Amino acid sequence: MSYQPQQFVRTFEEHCPTLGERVFIDPSAAVIGDVSIGDDSSIWPNTTVRGDMHRIRIGDRSSIQDNSVLHITHAGPYNPDGYPLTIGDEVTVAHSVTLHGCTIGNRVLIGMGTIVMDGAVVEDDVVVGANSLVPPGKRLASGWLYVGSPAKAVRELTEGEYSYFSYSAANYAKLKDRHIAALNS
């Protein structure tokens, strides 16, 4: 039997995850509910993507690496609309990252162990350093490296960092193809 990523997704109530072309979901990952994953994106081992009370949208060529947790903020009396989780195109989310009810733009690198909280917005072309905390409602402006807890802008991105976004996305797209081939052999 060939690898079919749909076998690693789970419907919750009336919501079934939708997958673009050539998506890789590791067999140990959990993808649940109102989740949409774009073309050539990858969900790596032990990652949880849980769209049970709001929606999660992941763009094209984005990589969600090992042990990450992606969740939403539900609508309720303290937040009538809740917060969905939106991740753009060519985003690399490193190992053990928590993204909760936030918006991540295009061409973003989120470093290992980082937490991005409810209502936070990370604009396009941003690097968030490892073990950073982006507090609720904070906006990280395009073109900067942010580090710390709470995350603060430390310098503008270099030309090399701008080119790294597409390199990283392409690298993980190739790697997920190798994993798919290995599961099909």
N, C-alpha and C. Protein backbone atom coordinates (compact mmCIF):
# COMPACT_ATOMS: atom_id res chain seq x y z
N MET A 1 0.84 -1.19 0.00
CA MET A 1 0.00 0.00 0.00
C MET A 1 0.88 1.24 0.00
N SER A 2 0.54 2.23 -0.80
CA SER A 2 1.36 3.44 -0.87
C SER A 2 0.95 4.44 0.21
N TYR A 3 1.89 5.30 0.52
CA TYR A 3 1.68 6.34 1.53
C TYR A 3 0.55 7.27 1.07
N GLN A 4 -0.42 7.48 1.93
CA GLN A 4 -1.52 8.40 1.69
C GLN A 4 -1.65 9.28 2.93
N PRO A 5 -1.31 10.57 2.85
CA PRO A 5 -1.35 11.39 4.06
C PRO A 5 -2.73 11.49 4.70
N GLN A 6 -3.79 11.27 3.91
CA GLN A 6 -5.14 11.34 4.46
C GLN A 6 -5.36 10.32 5.58
N GLN A 7 -4.58 9.24 5.57
CA GLN A 7 -4.76 8.23 6.62
C GLN A 7 -4.27 8.71 7.98
N PHE A 8 -3.59 9.87 8.02
CA PHE A 8 -3.08 10.39 9.28
C PHE A 8 -3.82 11.64 9.74
N VAL A 9 -5.00 11.87 9.17
CA VAL A 9 -5.82 13.00 9.60
C VAL A 9 -7.08 12.47 10.27
N ARG A 10 -7.67 13.32 11.11
CA ARG A 10 -8.85 12.88 11.84
C ARG A 10 -9.94 13.94 11.76
N THR A 11 -11.12 13.51 11.41
CA THR A 11 -12.28 14.39 11.41
C THR A 11 -12.69 14.67 12.85
N PHE A 12 -13.12 15.91 13.10
CA PHE A 12 -13.71 16.24 14.39
C PHE A 12 -15.04 16.91 14.10
N GLU A 13 -16.11 16.31 14.64
CA GLU A 13 -17.47 16.74 14.36
C GLU A 13 -17.63 16.83 12.85
N GLU A 14 -18.04 17.96 12.29
CA GLU A 14 -18.25 18.02 10.84
C GLU A 14 -17.02 18.46 10.06
N HIS A 15 -15.88 18.66 10.73
CA HIS A 15 -14.69 19.20 10.06
C HIS A 15 -13.66 18.12 9.78
N CYS A 16 -13.29 18.02 8.51
CA CYS A 16 -12.26 17.08 8.09
C CYS A 16 -11.10 17.86 7.48
N PRO A 17 -9.87 17.60 7.90
CA PRO A 17 -8.74 18.31 7.31
C PRO A 17 -8.69 18.16 5.78
N THR A 18 -8.26 19.22 5.12
CA THR A 18 -8.07 19.19 3.67
C THR A 18 -6.59 19.38 3.38
N LEU A 19 -6.11 18.63 2.39
CA LEU A 19 -4.69 18.63 2.07
C LEU A 19 -4.47 19.02 0.63
N GLY A 20 -3.45 19.85 0.40
CA GLY A 20 -3.05 20.19 -0.96
C GLY A 20 -2.29 19.04 -1.60
N GLU A 21 -1.65 19.32 -2.70
CA GLU A 21 -0.87 18.33 -3.42
C GLU A 21 0.46 18.07 -2.72
N ARG A 22 0.88 16.81 -2.71
CA ARG A 22 2.22 16.40 -2.24
C ARG A 22 2.50 16.80 -0.79
N VAL A 23 1.47 16.78 0.05
CA VAL A 23 1.63 17.06 1.47
C VAL A 23 2.21 15.83 2.17
N PHE A 24 3.10 16.06 3.12
CA PHE A 24 3.64 14.98 3.95
C PHE A 24 3.17 15.18 5.38
N ILE A 25 2.55 14.13 5.94
CA ILE A 25 2.20 14.11 7.36
C ILE A 25 2.85 12.87 7.93
N ASP A 26 3.75 13.06 8.88
CA ASP A 26 4.40 11.92 9.50
C ASP A 26 3.35 11.05 10.19
N PRO A 27 3.50 9.72 10.14
CA PRO A 27 2.52 8.84 10.79
C PRO A 27 2.34 9.08 12.29
N SER A 28 3.32 9.70 12.96
CA SER A 28 3.17 9.96 14.39
C SER A 28 2.51 11.31 14.69
N ALA A 29 2.24 12.10 13.66
CA ALA A 29 1.62 13.42 13.86
C ALA A 29 0.10 13.27 13.99
N ALA A 30 -0.54 14.29 14.58
CA ALA A 30 -1.99 14.34 14.68
C ALA A 30 -2.48 15.62 14.00
N VAL A 31 -3.33 15.46 13.00
CA VAL A 31 -3.93 16.59 12.28
C VAL A 31 -5.44 16.39 12.41
N ILE A 32 -6.10 17.32 13.11
CA ILE A 32 -7.47 17.10 13.56
C ILE A 32 -8.36 18.30 13.23
N GLY A 33 -9.52 18.05 12.63
CA GLY A 33 -10.56 19.05 12.53
C GLY A 33 -10.43 20.00 11.36
N ASP A 34 -10.75 21.27 11.60
CA ASP A 34 -10.83 22.30 10.58
C ASP A 34 -9.43 22.81 10.25
N VAL A 35 -8.71 22.00 9.48
CA VAL A 35 -7.31 22.27 9.13
C VAL A 35 -7.18 22.18 7.62
N SER A 36 -6.46 23.13 7.04
CA SER A 36 -6.14 23.09 5.62
C SER A 36 -4.63 23.25 5.49
N ILE A 37 -4.02 22.34 4.73
CA ILE A 37 -2.57 22.35 4.54
C ILE A 37 -2.29 22.49 3.05
N GLY A 38 -1.46 23.48 2.68
CA GLY A 38 -1.18 23.79 1.28
C GLY A 38 -0.19 22.85 0.63
N ASP A 39 -0.05 23.01 -0.67
CA ASP A 39 0.82 22.17 -1.49
C ASP A 39 2.25 22.13 -0.97
N ASP A 40 2.85 20.95 -1.03
CA ASP A 40 4.26 20.72 -0.69
C ASP A 40 4.63 21.09 0.73
N SER A 41 3.65 21.15 1.63
CA SER A 41 3.93 21.42 3.04
C SER A 41 4.14 20.11 3.78
N SER A 42 4.72 20.21 4.97
CA SER A 42 5.06 19.00 5.72
C SER A 42 4.80 19.18 7.21
N ILE A 43 4.31 18.09 7.81
CA ILE A 43 4.04 18.02 9.24
C ILE A 43 4.91 16.87 9.77
N TRP A 44 5.86 17.17 10.64
CA TRP A 44 6.90 16.22 11.03
C TRP A 44 6.53 15.48 12.32
N PRO A 45 7.38 14.52 12.77
CA PRO A 45 7.02 13.61 13.86
C PRO A 45 6.54 14.29 15.14
N ASN A 46 5.51 13.67 15.70
CA ASN A 46 4.96 14.05 17.01
C ASN A 46 4.40 15.46 17.07
N THR A 47 4.06 16.01 15.94
CA THR A 47 3.45 17.34 15.88
C THR A 47 1.94 17.20 15.99
N THR A 48 1.31 18.15 16.68
CA THR A 48 -0.14 18.20 16.80
C THR A 48 -0.66 19.46 16.13
N VAL A 49 -1.60 19.29 15.22
CA VAL A 49 -2.27 20.40 14.54
C VAL A 49 -3.75 20.20 14.84
N ARG A 50 -4.27 20.96 15.81
CA ARG A 50 -5.61 20.67 16.34
C ARG A 50 -6.57 21.83 16.08
N GLY A 51 -7.36 21.69 15.03
CA GLY A 51 -8.38 22.68 14.68
C GLY A 51 -9.75 22.23 15.13
N ASP A 52 -9.93 22.05 16.42
CA ASP A 52 -11.18 21.50 16.93
C ASP A 52 -12.23 22.55 17.26
N MET A 53 -11.82 23.78 17.58
CA MET A 53 -12.81 24.81 17.95
C MET A 53 -12.67 26.07 17.11
N HIS A 54 -11.77 26.07 16.15
CA HIS A 54 -11.57 27.17 15.20
C HIS A 54 -10.71 26.60 14.08
N ARG A 55 -10.43 27.40 13.08
CA ARG A 55 -9.73 26.90 11.90
C ARG A 55 -8.21 27.12 11.98
N ILE A 56 -7.50 26.23 11.28
CA ILE A 56 -6.05 26.35 11.10
C ILE A 56 -5.79 26.29 9.60
N ARG A 57 -5.04 27.26 9.09
CA ARG A 57 -4.68 27.31 7.68
C ARG A 57 -3.16 27.38 7.57
N ILE A 58 -2.58 26.45 6.82
CA ILE A 58 -1.14 26.40 6.58
C ILE A 58 -0.94 26.53 5.08
N GLY A 59 -0.09 27.46 4.67
CA GLY A 59 0.12 27.74 3.25
C GLY A 59 0.97 26.70 2.54
N ASP A 60 1.44 27.08 1.36
CA ASP A 60 2.26 26.21 0.52
C ASP A 60 3.72 26.23 0.96
N ARG A 61 4.38 25.07 0.81
CA ARG A 61 5.82 24.91 1.07
C ARG A 61 6.21 25.34 2.49
N SER A 62 5.34 25.08 3.44
CA SER A 62 5.64 25.37 4.84
C SER A 62 5.94 24.07 5.57
N SER A 63 6.83 24.16 6.54
CA SER A 63 7.30 22.99 7.27
C SER A 63 7.04 23.20 8.76
N ILE A 64 6.32 22.25 9.36
CA ILE A 64 6.03 22.29 10.80
C ILE A 64 6.80 21.12 11.41
N GLN A 65 7.86 21.43 12.13
CA GLN A 65 8.80 20.40 12.53
C GLN A 65 8.45 19.73 13.86
N ASP A 66 9.23 18.71 14.17
CA ASP A 66 8.99 17.76 15.24
C ASP A 66 8.55 18.40 16.55
N ASN A 67 7.56 17.78 17.18
CA ASN A 67 7.08 18.12 18.52
C ASN A 67 6.45 19.49 18.64
N SER A 68 6.06 20.08 17.53
CA SER A 68 5.38 21.38 17.59
C SER A 68 3.90 21.19 17.90
N VAL A 69 3.29 22.23 18.47
CA VAL A 69 1.87 22.22 18.81
C VAL A 69 1.23 23.43 18.16
N LEU A 70 0.23 23.19 17.31
CA LEU A 70 -0.52 24.24 16.64
C LEU A 70 -1.96 24.15 17.10
N HIS A 71 -2.47 25.24 17.67
CA HIS A 71 -3.84 25.25 18.16
C HIS A 71 -4.43 26.64 17.94
N ILE A 72 -5.65 26.82 18.36
CA ILE A 72 -6.43 28.03 18.12
C ILE A 72 -6.91 28.61 19.44
N THR A 73 -7.58 29.75 19.37
CA THR A 73 -8.27 30.30 20.53
C THR A 73 -9.76 30.25 20.22
N HIS A 74 -10.49 29.54 21.03
CA HIS A 74 -11.92 29.36 20.75
C HIS A 74 -12.69 30.67 21.00
N ALA A 75 -13.83 30.79 20.34
CA ALA A 75 -14.74 31.91 20.57
C ALA A 75 -15.48 31.66 21.88
N GLY A 76 -15.59 32.69 22.69
CA GLY A 76 -16.27 32.55 23.97
C GLY A 76 -16.55 33.91 24.59
N PRO A 77 -17.01 33.93 25.81
CA PRO A 77 -17.41 35.20 26.43
C PRO A 77 -16.26 36.19 26.61
N TYR A 78 -15.03 35.72 26.67
CA TYR A 78 -13.89 36.61 26.86
C TYR A 78 -13.26 37.02 25.54
N ASN A 79 -13.62 36.34 24.46
CA ASN A 79 -13.09 36.62 23.13
C ASN A 79 -14.15 36.14 22.13
N PRO A 80 -15.13 37.00 21.81
CA PRO A 80 -16.30 36.56 21.05
C PRO A 80 -15.98 35.93 19.69
N ASP A 81 -14.90 36.34 19.04
CA ASP A 81 -14.58 35.78 17.72
C ASP A 81 -13.50 34.70 17.79
N GLY A 82 -12.82 34.57 18.92
CA GLY A 82 -11.69 33.65 19.01
C GLY A 82 -10.59 34.10 18.07
N TYR A 83 -9.58 33.26 17.93
CA TYR A 83 -8.49 33.52 16.98
C TYR A 83 -8.18 32.23 16.24
N PRO A 84 -8.30 32.25 14.91
CA PRO A 84 -7.82 31.10 14.16
C PRO A 84 -6.30 31.11 14.15
N LEU A 85 -5.69 30.08 13.63
CA LEU A 85 -4.25 30.05 13.41
C LEU A 85 -4.02 30.05 11.91
N THR A 86 -3.24 31.03 11.44
CA THR A 86 -2.95 31.15 10.02
C THR A 86 -1.44 31.21 9.83
N ILE A 87 -0.94 30.35 8.95
CA ILE A 87 0.48 30.29 8.63
C ILE A 87 0.60 30.45 7.12
N GLY A 88 1.45 31.37 6.68
CA GLY A 88 1.57 31.66 5.25
C GLY A 88 2.39 30.65 4.49
N ASP A 89 2.89 31.09 3.33
CA ASP A 89 3.71 30.28 2.45
C ASP A 89 5.18 30.38 2.83
N GLU A 90 5.93 29.30 2.57
CA GLU A 90 7.38 29.25 2.79
C GLU A 90 7.77 29.62 4.21
N VAL A 91 7.03 29.05 5.16
CA VAL A 91 7.30 29.26 6.58
C VAL A 91 8.00 28.02 7.12
N THR A 92 9.08 28.21 7.86
CA THR A 92 9.75 27.12 8.54
C THR A 92 9.51 27.29 10.04
N VAL A 93 8.79 26.33 10.62
CA VAL A 93 8.52 26.31 12.05
C VAL A 93 9.42 25.22 12.62
N ALA A 94 10.41 25.62 13.40
CA ALA A 94 11.40 24.68 13.91
C ALA A 94 10.82 23.78 15.00
N HIS A 95 11.66 22.93 15.56
CA HIS A 95 11.25 21.92 16.53
C HIS A 95 10.68 22.54 17.81
N SER A 96 9.66 21.87 18.35
CA SER A 96 9.08 22.20 19.66
C SER A 96 8.58 23.63 19.77
N VAL A 97 7.94 24.09 18.72
CA VAL A 97 7.34 25.44 18.70
C VAL A 97 5.86 25.31 19.05
N THR A 98 5.33 26.29 19.79
CA THR A 98 3.90 26.39 20.05
C THR A 98 3.37 27.63 19.35
N LEU A 99 2.41 27.43 18.46
CA LEU A 99 1.71 28.54 17.80
C LEU A 99 0.25 28.43 18.23
N HIS A 100 -0.27 29.50 18.87
CA HIS A 100 -1.61 29.43 19.45
C HIS A 100 -2.44 30.63 19.02
N GLY A 101 -3.39 30.40 18.12
CA GLY A 101 -4.33 31.45 17.74
C GLY A 101 -3.65 32.70 17.23
N CYS A 102 -2.63 32.56 16.40
CA CYS A 102 -1.86 33.70 15.91
C CYS A 102 -1.83 33.70 14.39
N THR A 103 -1.24 34.73 13.83
CA THR A 103 -1.09 34.86 12.38
C THR A 103 0.38 34.96 12.05
N ILE A 104 0.85 34.05 11.19
CA ILE A 104 2.23 34.02 10.74
C ILE A 104 2.21 34.33 9.24
N GLY A 105 2.96 35.33 8.82
CA GLY A 105 2.98 35.73 7.41
C GLY A 105 3.74 34.76 6.53
N ASN A 106 4.15 35.24 5.37
CA ASN A 106 4.92 34.46 4.40
C ASN A 106 6.41 34.64 4.66
N ARG A 107 7.18 33.58 4.31
CA ARG A 107 8.64 33.64 4.42
C ARG A 107 9.08 34.04 5.84
N VAL A 108 8.70 33.19 6.78
CA VAL A 108 9.02 33.42 8.20
C VAL A 108 9.77 32.20 8.72
N LEU A 109 10.74 32.43 9.57
CA LEU A 109 11.44 31.36 10.29
C LEU A 109 11.15 31.54 11.77
N ILE A 110 10.55 30.52 12.37
CA ILE A 110 10.26 30.52 13.81
C ILE A 110 11.25 29.55 14.45
N GLY A 111 12.14 30.05 15.31
CA GLY A 111 13.20 29.24 15.91
C GLY A 111 12.70 28.24 16.93
N MET A 112 13.53 27.23 17.19
CA MET A 112 13.19 26.14 18.11
C MET A 112 12.73 26.64 19.47
N GLY A 113 11.70 26.00 19.98
CA GLY A 113 11.22 26.28 21.33
C GLY A 113 10.46 27.58 21.49
N THR A 114 10.17 28.26 20.41
CA THR A 114 9.46 29.55 20.48
C THR A 114 7.98 29.34 20.75
N ILE A 115 7.37 30.32 21.42
CA ILE A 115 5.92 30.34 21.66
C ILE A 115 5.38 31.64 21.08
N VAL A 116 4.35 31.52 20.24
CA VAL A 116 3.66 32.69 19.69
C VAL A 116 2.22 32.59 20.15
N MET A 117 1.76 33.60 20.89
CA MET A 117 0.49 33.54 21.61
C MET A 117 -0.68 34.16 20.83
N ASP A 118 -1.83 34.05 21.44
CA ASP A 118 -3.13 34.45 20.90
C ASP A 118 -3.14 35.88 20.37
N GLY A 119 -3.61 36.03 19.13
CA GLY A 119 -3.78 37.35 18.54
C GLY A 119 -2.49 38.00 18.08
N ALA A 120 -1.35 37.37 18.28
CA ALA A 120 -0.08 37.93 17.80
C ALA A 120 -0.04 37.83 16.28
N VAL A 121 0.67 38.77 15.66
CA VAL A 121 0.84 38.78 14.21
C VAL A 121 2.33 38.88 13.91
N VAL A 122 2.83 37.93 13.15
CA VAL A 122 4.20 37.96 12.65
C VAL A 122 4.08 38.25 11.17
N GLU A 123 4.51 39.45 10.76
CA GLU A 123 4.38 39.85 9.36
C GLU A 123 5.31 39.04 8.47
N ASP A 124 5.24 39.27 7.15
CA ASP A 124 6.10 38.59 6.19
C ASP A 124 7.57 38.88 6.47
N ASP A 125 8.45 37.95 6.07
CA ASP A 125 9.89 38.15 6.10
C ASP A 125 10.41 38.51 7.49
N VAL A 126 10.21 37.59 8.43
CA VAL A 126 10.64 37.79 9.82
C VAL A 126 11.36 36.53 10.28
N VAL A 127 12.40 36.72 11.10
CA VAL A 127 13.03 35.61 11.81
C VAL A 127 12.76 35.83 13.30
N VAL A 128 12.22 34.79 13.96
CA VAL A 128 12.02 34.81 15.40
C VAL A 128 13.01 33.81 15.97
N GLY A 129 13.96 34.29 16.78
CA GLY A 129 15.02 33.45 17.31
C GLY A 129 14.51 32.38 18.27
N ALA A 130 15.34 31.37 18.46
CA ALA A 130 15.00 30.23 19.31
C ALA A 130 14.61 30.67 20.72
N ASN A 131 13.65 29.94 21.29
CA ASN A 131 13.18 30.14 22.67
C ASN A 131 12.63 31.53 22.94
N SER A 132 12.11 32.17 21.92
CA SER A 132 11.49 33.48 22.10
C SER A 132 10.03 33.31 22.51
N LEU A 133 9.47 34.36 23.11
CA LEU A 133 8.06 34.41 23.45
C LEU A 133 7.46 35.64 22.80
N VAL A 134 6.47 35.42 21.94
CA VAL A 134 5.73 36.52 21.33
C VAL A 134 4.42 36.61 22.09
N PRO A 135 4.25 37.65 22.92
CA PRO A 135 3.07 37.73 23.79
C PRO A 135 1.77 37.97 23.02
N PRO A 136 0.65 37.75 23.69
CA PRO A 136 -0.65 37.96 23.05
C PRO A 136 -0.77 39.35 22.45
N GLY A 137 -1.27 39.42 21.22
CA GLY A 137 -1.56 40.68 20.57
C GLY A 137 -0.38 41.44 20.01
N LYS A 138 0.84 40.96 20.19
CA LYS A 138 2.02 41.68 19.71
C LYS A 138 2.16 41.52 18.20
N ARG A 139 2.62 42.55 17.52
CA ARG A 139 2.87 42.52 16.08
C ARG A 139 4.36 42.65 15.84
N LEU A 140 4.92 41.70 15.06
CA LEU A 140 6.33 41.74 14.68
C LEU A 140 6.41 42.23 13.24
N ALA A 141 7.08 43.36 13.05
CA ALA A 141 7.13 44.01 11.74
C ALA A 141 8.06 43.28 10.78
N SER A 142 7.73 43.35 9.53
CA SER A 142 8.48 42.73 8.45
C SER A 142 9.92 43.23 8.41
N GLY A 143 10.85 42.30 8.09
CA GLY A 143 12.23 42.69 7.84
C GLY A 143 13.15 42.68 9.05
N TRP A 144 12.72 42.08 10.15
CA TRP A 144 13.51 42.14 11.38
C TRP A 144 13.75 40.76 11.99
N LEU A 145 14.85 40.67 12.75
CA LEU A 145 15.12 39.54 13.61
C LEU A 145 14.64 39.90 15.00
N TYR A 146 13.84 39.01 15.59
CA TYR A 146 13.32 39.20 16.94
C TYR A 146 13.85 38.09 17.83
N VAL A 147 14.23 38.43 19.05
CA VAL A 147 14.66 37.43 20.02
C VAL A 147 14.19 37.85 21.41
N GLY A 148 14.13 36.86 22.30
CA GLY A 148 13.89 37.15 23.70
C GLY A 148 12.49 36.81 24.16
N SER A 149 12.31 37.06 25.46
CA SER A 149 11.05 36.77 26.12
C SER A 149 10.71 37.94 27.05
N PRO A 150 9.92 38.90 26.58
CA PRO A 150 9.19 38.92 25.32
C PRO A 150 10.11 39.25 24.14
N ALA A 151 9.70 38.83 22.94
CA ALA A 151 10.49 39.06 21.74
C ALA A 151 10.62 40.54 21.44
N LYS A 152 11.85 40.93 21.11
CA LYS A 152 12.14 42.33 20.75
C LYS A 152 12.95 42.35 19.47
N ALA A 153 12.74 43.37 18.65
CA ALA A 153 13.53 43.54 17.42
C ALA A 153 14.97 43.85 17.80
N VAL A 154 15.92 43.12 17.21
CA VAL A 154 17.33 43.37 17.52
C VAL A 154 18.10 43.92 16.34
N ARG A 155 17.67 43.59 15.12
CA ARG A 155 18.33 44.16 13.94
C ARG A 155 17.53 43.83 12.70
N GLU A 156 17.81 44.59 11.63
CA GLU A 156 17.17 44.29 10.35
C GLU A 156 17.78 43.02 9.76
N LEU A 157 17.00 42.34 8.94
CA LEU A 157 17.49 41.13 8.30
C LEU A 157 18.52 41.46 7.23
N THR A 158 19.44 40.53 7.03
CA THR A 158 20.45 40.66 5.98
C THR A 158 19.90 40.10 4.67
N GLU A 159 20.57 40.39 3.57
CA GLU A 159 20.18 39.81 2.28
C GLU A 159 20.24 38.29 2.32
N GLY A 160 21.25 37.75 3.00
CA GLY A 160 21.37 36.31 3.13
C GLY A 160 20.18 35.70 3.86
N GLU A 161 19.69 36.38 4.88
CA GLU A 161 18.53 35.87 5.61
C GLU A 161 17.27 35.90 4.76
N TYR A 162 17.14 36.95 3.94
CA TYR A 162 15.99 37.00 3.04
C TYR A 162 16.02 35.83 2.07
N SER A 163 17.18 35.50 1.53
CA SER A 163 17.25 34.39 0.57
C SER A 163 17.09 33.04 1.26
N TYR A 164 17.37 32.97 2.56
CA TYR A 164 17.26 31.71 3.29
C TYR A 164 15.82 31.21 3.38
N PHE A 165 14.85 32.12 3.40
CA PHE A 165 13.45 31.69 3.52
C PHE A 165 13.08 30.71 2.41
N SER A 166 13.35 31.09 1.16
CA SER A 166 13.01 30.22 0.03
C SER A 166 13.88 28.98 0.01
N TYR A 167 15.16 29.12 0.37
CA TYR A 167 16.05 27.96 0.45
C TYR A 167 15.50 26.94 1.44
N SER A 168 15.15 27.38 2.64
CA SER A 168 14.65 26.47 3.67
C SER A 168 13.37 25.79 3.21
N ALA A 169 12.47 26.55 2.60
CA ALA A 169 11.21 25.97 2.11
C ALA A 169 11.48 24.90 1.06
N ALA A 170 12.38 25.19 0.12
CA ALA A 170 12.70 24.22 -0.94
C ALA A 170 13.39 22.99 -0.35
N ASN A 171 14.28 23.18 0.61
CA ASN A 171 14.98 22.07 1.24
C ASN A 171 14.00 21.12 1.92
N TYR A 172 13.04 21.66 2.69
CA TYR A 172 12.08 20.80 3.36
C TYR A 172 11.09 20.17 2.39
N ALA A 173 10.79 20.84 1.29
CA ALA A 173 9.94 20.21 0.27
C ALA A 173 10.64 18.99 -0.33
N LYS A 174 11.94 19.11 -0.58
CA LYS A 174 12.69 17.96 -1.10
C LYS A 174 12.78 16.85 -0.06
N LEU A 175 13.04 17.21 1.19
CA LEU A 175 13.17 16.21 2.24
C LEU A 175 11.86 15.45 2.45
N LYS A 176 10.75 16.14 2.43
CA LYS A 176 9.47 15.44 2.63
C LYS A 176 9.21 14.49 1.47
N ASP A 177 9.67 14.84 0.26
CA ASP A 177 9.53 13.91 -0.87
C ASP A 177 10.33 12.64 -0.64
N ARG A 178 11.51 12.77 -0.03
CA ARG A 178 12.33 11.59 0.29
C ARG A 178 11.63 10.73 1.32
N HIS A 179 10.99 11.36 2.31
CA HIS A 179 10.26 10.60 3.34
C HIS A 179 9.05 9.88 2.73
N ILE A 180 8.36 10.55 1.83
CA ILE A 180 7.23 9.90 1.15
C ILE A 180 7.73 8.69 0.37
N ALA A 181 8.84 8.86 -0.36
CA ALA A 181 9.40 7.74 -1.13
C ALA A 181 9.78 6.59 -0.22
N ALA A 182 10.38 6.90 0.95
CA ALA A 182 10.78 5.84 1.88
C ALA A 182 9.56 5.08 2.43
N LEU A 183 8.47 5.81 2.68
CA LEU A 183 7.26 5.16 3.18
C LEU A 183 6.58 4.32 2.08
N ASN A 184 6.83 4.67 0.82
CA ASN A 184 6.25 3.92 -0.30
C ASN A 184 7.08 2.70 -0.68
N SER A 185 8.30 2.60 -0.15
CA SER A 185 9.16 1.47 -0.57
C SER A 185 8.90 0.21 0.23
